[in-house]
């Protein structure tokens, strides 16, 4: 029984040593992947003229037209805890407008 205990102890020591050795080898292999220091300058193979004119906010109008995001005034935003509350209130307002329009058109 003592030999079995000794063998299991040796086995676990070997496994630990092997794992530690593998970790060291992996660390050595990974050293080549360190990031290089870069500068903000363009690489020599690129020319600034290849990129065309830079325009700030070039797509701002298109995004505004295609977007359905609405910016609420601060006092209105305080009245609604989240988007669900805003949607519920607007749906109710549409329903009331629809009902009142039907009553007027009779």
N, C-alpha and C. Protein backbone atom coordinates (compact mmCIF):
# COMPACT_ATOMS: atom_id res chain seq x y z
N UNK A 1 0.83 -1.19 0.00
CA UNK A 1 0.00 0.00 0.00
C UNK A 1 0.87 1.25 0.00
N UNK A 2 2.02 1.15 0.68
CA UNK A 2 2.93 2.29 0.70
C UNK A 2 3.48 2.58 -0.70
N UNK A 3 3.75 1.50 -1.47
CA UNK A 3 4.27 1.70 -2.82
C UNK A 3 3.23 2.35 -3.72
N UNK A 4 1.97 2.02 -3.52
CA UNK A 4 0.90 2.61 -4.33
C UNK A 4 0.81 4.11 -4.03
N UNK A 5 0.93 4.44 -2.75
CA UNK A 5 0.89 5.85 -2.35
C UNK A 5 2.10 6.59 -2.91
N UNK A 6 3.27 5.94 -2.86
CA UNK A 6 4.48 6.55 -3.40
C UNK A 6 4.35 6.74 -4.91
N UNK A 7 3.84 5.72 -5.61
CA UNK A 7 3.69 5.81 -7.05
C UNK A 7 2.73 6.94 -7.45
N UNK A 8 1.63 7.08 -6.71
CA UNK A 8 0.68 8.15 -7.04
C UNK A 8 1.31 9.51 -6.76
N UNK A 9 2.13 9.59 -5.73
CA UNK A 9 2.84 10.84 -5.44
C UNK A 9 3.82 11.17 -6.54
N UNK A 10 4.55 10.17 -7.03
CA UNK A 10 5.51 10.41 -8.11
C UNK A 10 4.79 10.81 -9.39
N UNK A 11 3.66 10.18 -9.62
CA UNK A 11 2.89 10.48 -10.82
C UNK A 11 2.44 11.94 -10.81
N UNK A 12 1.92 12.37 -9.68
CA UNK A 12 1.43 13.75 -9.62
C UNK A 12 2.58 14.75 -9.72
N UNK A 13 3.75 14.39 -9.16
CA UNK A 13 4.92 15.27 -9.29
C UNK A 13 5.35 15.36 -10.74
N UNK A 14 5.35 14.24 -11.43
CA UNK A 14 5.73 14.24 -12.85
C UNK A 14 4.76 15.07 -13.68
N UNK A 15 3.49 14.94 -13.38
CA UNK A 15 2.48 15.70 -14.10
C UNK A 15 2.68 17.19 -13.86
N UNK A 16 2.92 17.57 -12.62
CA UNK A 16 3.13 18.98 -12.29
C UNK A 16 4.37 19.50 -12.99
N UNK A 17 5.45 18.73 -12.97
CA UNK A 17 6.68 19.16 -13.62
C UNK A 17 6.48 19.28 -15.13
N UNK A 18 5.78 18.32 -15.70
CA UNK A 18 5.53 18.36 -17.14
C UNK A 18 4.68 19.56 -17.51
N UNK A 19 3.67 19.85 -16.73
CA UNK A 19 2.81 21.00 -16.99
C UNK A 19 3.59 22.30 -16.87
N UNK A 20 4.42 22.40 -15.83
CA UNK A 20 5.24 23.60 -15.65
C UNK A 20 6.21 23.76 -16.82
N UNK A 21 6.79 22.67 -17.28
CA UNK A 21 7.71 22.72 -18.41
C UNK A 21 6.98 23.18 -19.66
N UNK A 22 5.77 22.68 -19.88
CA UNK A 22 4.99 23.10 -21.04
C UNK A 22 4.66 24.59 -20.98
N UNK A 23 4.31 25.07 -19.80
CA UNK A 23 3.99 26.49 -19.65
C UNK A 23 5.20 27.34 -20.02
N UNK A 24 6.37 26.94 -19.56
CA UNK A 24 7.59 27.69 -19.86
C UNK A 24 7.84 27.69 -21.36
N UNK A 25 7.66 26.56 -22.00
CA UNK A 25 7.87 26.46 -23.44
C UNK A 25 6.87 27.33 -24.19
N UNK A 26 5.63 27.34 -23.73
CA UNK A 26 4.61 28.16 -24.37
C UNK A 26 4.95 29.64 -24.21
N UNK A 27 5.40 30.04 -23.03
CA UNK A 27 5.78 31.43 -22.81
C UNK A 27 6.91 31.82 -23.75
N UNK A 28 7.85 30.95 -23.93
CA UNK A 28 8.97 31.25 -24.83
C UNK A 28 8.47 31.40 -26.27
N UNK A 29 7.53 30.54 -26.67
CA UNK A 29 7.01 30.61 -28.03
C UNK A 29 6.21 31.90 -28.25
N UNK A 30 5.50 32.34 -27.24
CA UNK A 30 4.61 33.49 -27.39
C UNK A 30 5.35 34.83 -27.38
N UNK A 31 6.62 34.84 -27.04
CA UNK A 31 7.35 36.10 -26.99
C UNK A 31 7.42 36.79 -28.35
N UNK A 32 7.38 36.04 -29.43
CA UNK A 32 7.46 36.64 -30.75
C UNK A 32 6.19 37.41 -31.11
N UNK A 33 5.11 37.21 -30.36
CA UNK A 33 3.85 37.86 -30.68
C UNK A 33 3.65 39.19 -29.95
N UNK A 34 4.68 39.71 -29.32
CA UNK A 34 4.54 40.98 -28.62
C UNK A 34 4.23 42.08 -29.62
N UNK A 35 3.44 43.05 -29.18
CA UNK A 35 3.05 44.13 -30.09
C UNK A 35 4.23 45.05 -30.35
N UNK A 36 4.31 45.49 -31.58
CA UNK A 36 5.34 46.43 -31.96
C UNK A 36 4.91 47.84 -31.58
N UNK A 37 5.85 48.68 -31.27
CA UNK A 37 5.53 50.08 -31.01
C UNK A 37 5.21 50.75 -32.33
N UNK A 38 4.09 51.48 -32.36
CA UNK A 38 3.69 52.14 -33.60
C UNK A 38 3.70 53.64 -33.42
N UNK A 39 3.77 54.33 -34.51
CA UNK A 39 3.68 55.79 -34.49
C UNK A 39 2.43 56.19 -35.28
N UNK A 40 2.06 57.45 -35.20
CA UNK A 40 0.89 57.92 -35.91
C UNK A 40 1.19 58.22 -37.38
N UNK A 41 2.41 58.13 -37.78
CA UNK A 41 2.78 58.43 -39.16
C UNK A 41 2.32 57.32 -40.09
N UNK A 42 2.04 57.69 -41.33
CA UNK A 42 1.67 56.69 -42.33
C UNK A 42 2.88 55.86 -42.70
N UNK A 43 2.64 54.64 -43.06
CA UNK A 43 3.74 53.80 -43.54
C UNK A 43 4.25 54.38 -44.85
N UNK A 44 5.47 54.09 -45.19
CA UNK A 44 6.09 54.66 -46.38
C UNK A 44 5.37 54.26 -47.66
N UNK A 45 4.70 53.11 -47.69
CA UNK A 45 4.03 52.67 -48.91
C UNK A 45 2.69 53.38 -49.16
N UNK A 46 2.21 54.16 -48.18
CA UNK A 46 0.96 54.89 -48.34
C UNK A 46 1.25 56.37 -48.55
N UNK A 47 0.41 57.00 -49.35
CA UNK A 47 0.50 58.44 -49.55
C UNK A 47 -0.80 59.06 -49.08
N UNK A 48 -0.72 60.21 -48.48
CA UNK A 48 -1.91 60.90 -47.98
C UNK A 48 -2.87 61.21 -49.13
N UNK A 49 -2.34 61.49 -50.28
CA UNK A 49 -3.17 61.84 -51.44
C UNK A 49 -4.03 60.66 -51.91
N UNK A 50 -3.68 59.44 -51.55
CA UNK A 50 -4.47 58.27 -51.95
C UNK A 50 -5.81 58.18 -51.23
N UNK A 51 -5.96 58.90 -50.12
CA UNK A 51 -7.16 58.77 -49.29
C UNK A 51 -8.26 59.77 -49.60
N UNK A 52 -8.00 60.76 -50.42
CA UNK A 52 -9.02 61.76 -50.75
C UNK A 52 -9.20 62.76 -49.63
N UNK A 53 -10.19 63.63 -49.80
CA UNK A 53 -10.42 64.70 -48.84
C UNK A 53 -11.13 64.15 -47.60
N UNK A 54 -10.67 64.55 -46.44
CA UNK A 54 -11.32 64.16 -45.20
C UNK A 54 -12.37 65.20 -44.86
N UNK A 55 -13.59 64.75 -44.59
CA UNK A 55 -14.69 65.65 -44.29
C UNK A 55 -15.30 65.21 -42.97
N UNK A 56 -15.35 66.14 -42.02
CA UNK A 56 -15.95 65.82 -40.73
C UNK A 56 -17.48 65.82 -40.87
N UNK A 57 -18.12 64.78 -40.37
CA UNK A 57 -19.58 64.69 -40.41
C UNK A 57 -20.12 64.41 -41.80
N UNK A 58 -19.36 63.74 -42.60
CA UNK A 58 -19.71 63.46 -43.99
C UNK A 58 -21.06 62.74 -44.11
N UNK A 59 -21.36 61.85 -43.20
CA UNK A 59 -22.58 61.04 -43.27
C UNK A 59 -23.63 61.47 -42.25
N UNK A 60 -23.44 62.59 -41.59
CA UNK A 60 -24.35 63.01 -40.53
C UNK A 60 -25.78 63.22 -41.03
N UNK A 61 -25.94 63.85 -42.19
CA UNK A 61 -27.29 64.10 -42.71
C UNK A 61 -28.00 62.79 -43.05
N UNK A 62 -27.28 61.86 -43.66
CA UNK A 62 -27.89 60.58 -44.03
C UNK A 62 -28.31 59.81 -42.79
N UNK A 63 -27.48 59.82 -41.76
CA UNK A 63 -27.83 59.11 -40.52
C UNK A 63 -29.06 59.74 -39.88
N UNK A 64 -29.13 61.08 -39.91
CA UNK A 64 -30.28 61.77 -39.33
C UNK A 64 -31.56 61.40 -40.07
N UNK A 65 -31.49 61.32 -41.41
CA UNK A 65 -32.67 60.98 -42.20
C UNK A 65 -33.11 59.53 -41.99
N UNK A 66 -32.15 58.61 -41.85
CA UNK A 66 -32.45 57.19 -41.76
C UNK A 66 -32.73 56.72 -40.34
N UNK A 67 -32.47 57.55 -39.38
CA UNK A 67 -32.59 57.13 -37.98
C UNK A 67 -33.96 57.49 -37.42
N UNK A 68 -34.42 56.72 -36.46
CA UNK A 68 -35.68 57.04 -35.79
C UNK A 68 -35.45 57.37 -34.32
N UNK A 69 -34.24 57.78 -33.99
CA UNK A 69 -33.91 58.15 -32.62
C UNK A 69 -34.38 59.57 -32.38
N UNK A 70 -35.04 59.79 -31.25
CA UNK A 70 -35.57 61.10 -30.93
C UNK A 70 -34.93 61.56 -29.62
N UNK A 71 -34.52 62.80 -29.59
CA UNK A 71 -33.92 63.37 -28.39
C UNK A 71 -34.99 64.12 -27.62
N UNK A 72 -35.24 63.69 -26.40
CA UNK A 72 -36.27 64.32 -25.58
C UNK A 72 -35.67 65.47 -24.78
N UNK A 73 -36.47 66.50 -24.57
CA UNK A 73 -36.06 67.60 -23.70
C UNK A 73 -35.95 67.05 -22.27
N UNK A 74 -35.09 67.65 -21.44
CA UNK A 74 -34.87 67.10 -20.09
C UNK A 74 -36.13 66.98 -19.24
N UNK A 75 -37.04 67.97 -19.31
CA UNK A 75 -38.26 67.88 -18.50
C UNK A 75 -39.17 66.75 -18.95
N UNK A 76 -39.22 66.48 -20.25
CA UNK A 76 -40.02 65.37 -20.76
C UNK A 76 -39.36 64.04 -20.39
N UNK A 77 -38.05 63.97 -20.50
CA UNK A 77 -37.32 62.73 -20.18
C UNK A 77 -37.50 62.34 -18.71
N UNK A 78 -37.61 63.32 -17.83
CA UNK A 78 -37.83 63.02 -16.41
C UNK A 78 -39.20 62.38 -16.17
N UNK A 79 -40.16 62.66 -17.03
CA UNK A 79 -41.52 62.14 -16.85
C UNK A 79 -41.63 60.67 -17.24
N UNK A 80 -40.68 60.18 -18.05
CA UNK A 80 -40.74 58.80 -18.54
C UNK A 80 -39.50 58.03 -18.09
N UNK A 81 -39.68 56.92 -17.38
CA UNK A 81 -38.53 56.16 -16.88
C UNK A 81 -37.75 55.41 -17.95
N UNK A 82 -38.42 55.05 -19.07
CA UNK A 82 -37.75 54.26 -20.11
C UNK A 82 -38.49 54.38 -21.44
N UNK A 83 -37.97 53.74 -22.45
CA UNK A 83 -38.56 53.82 -23.79
C UNK A 83 -39.95 53.19 -23.85
N UNK A 84 -40.17 52.17 -23.05
CA UNK A 84 -41.48 51.51 -23.04
C UNK A 84 -42.57 52.48 -22.58
N UNK A 85 -42.27 53.29 -21.57
CA UNK A 85 -43.23 54.26 -21.07
C UNK A 85 -43.54 55.33 -22.11
N UNK A 86 -42.52 55.77 -22.85
CA UNK A 86 -42.73 56.76 -23.90
C UNK A 86 -43.62 56.17 -24.99
N UNK A 87 -43.32 54.95 -25.43
CA UNK A 87 -44.11 54.30 -26.47
C UNK A 87 -45.56 54.12 -26.03
N UNK A 88 -45.76 53.73 -24.78
CA UNK A 88 -47.12 53.51 -24.26
C UNK A 88 -47.90 54.83 -24.29
N UNK A 89 -47.26 55.91 -23.86
CA UNK A 89 -47.93 57.21 -23.84
C UNK A 89 -48.26 57.69 -25.25
N UNK A 90 -47.34 57.49 -26.18
CA UNK A 90 -47.59 57.91 -27.56
C UNK A 90 -48.69 57.08 -28.21
N UNK A 91 -48.72 55.79 -27.92
CA UNK A 91 -49.80 54.94 -28.47
C UNK A 91 -51.17 55.38 -27.94
N UNK A 92 -51.19 55.71 -26.65
CA UNK A 92 -52.44 56.18 -26.04
C UNK A 92 -52.87 57.50 -26.68
N UNK A 93 -51.92 58.38 -26.91
CA UNK A 93 -52.22 59.66 -27.54
C UNK A 93 -52.77 59.46 -28.95
N UNK A 94 -52.19 58.54 -29.71
CA UNK A 94 -52.69 58.22 -31.05
C UNK A 94 -54.10 57.65 -31.00
N UNK A 95 -54.36 56.81 -30.03
CA UNK A 95 -55.69 56.21 -29.86
C UNK A 95 -56.72 57.28 -29.55
N UNK A 96 -56.39 58.19 -28.65
CA UNK A 96 -57.31 59.27 -28.29
C UNK A 96 -57.57 60.16 -29.50
N UNK A 97 -56.52 60.46 -30.27
CA UNK A 97 -56.69 61.30 -31.47
C UNK A 97 -57.57 60.61 -32.49
N UNK A 98 -57.39 59.32 -32.65
CA UNK A 98 -58.19 58.55 -33.61
C UNK A 98 -59.67 58.53 -33.20
N UNK A 99 -59.94 58.29 -31.93
CA UNK A 99 -61.31 58.25 -31.43
C UNK A 99 -61.97 59.62 -31.56
N UNK A 100 -61.25 60.67 -31.22
CA UNK A 100 -61.84 62.01 -31.30
C UNK A 100 -62.08 62.41 -32.76
N UNK A 101 -61.24 61.97 -33.68
CA UNK A 101 -61.44 62.25 -35.10
C UNK A 101 -62.68 61.53 -35.60
N UNK A 102 -62.90 60.30 -35.15
CA UNK A 102 -64.10 59.55 -35.55
C UNK A 102 -65.35 60.23 -35.04
N UNK A 103 -65.30 60.79 -33.82
CA UNK A 103 -66.48 61.46 -33.25
C UNK A 103 -66.80 62.74 -34.03
N UNK A 104 -65.77 63.43 -34.47
CA UNK A 104 -65.98 64.69 -35.21
C UNK A 104 -66.54 64.40 -36.59
N UNK A 105 -66.09 63.34 -37.23
CA UNK A 105 -66.50 63.02 -38.59
C UNK A 105 -67.91 62.42 -38.67
N UNK A 106 -68.56 62.12 -37.60
CA UNK A 106 -69.92 61.54 -37.64
C UNK A 106 -70.91 62.48 -38.18
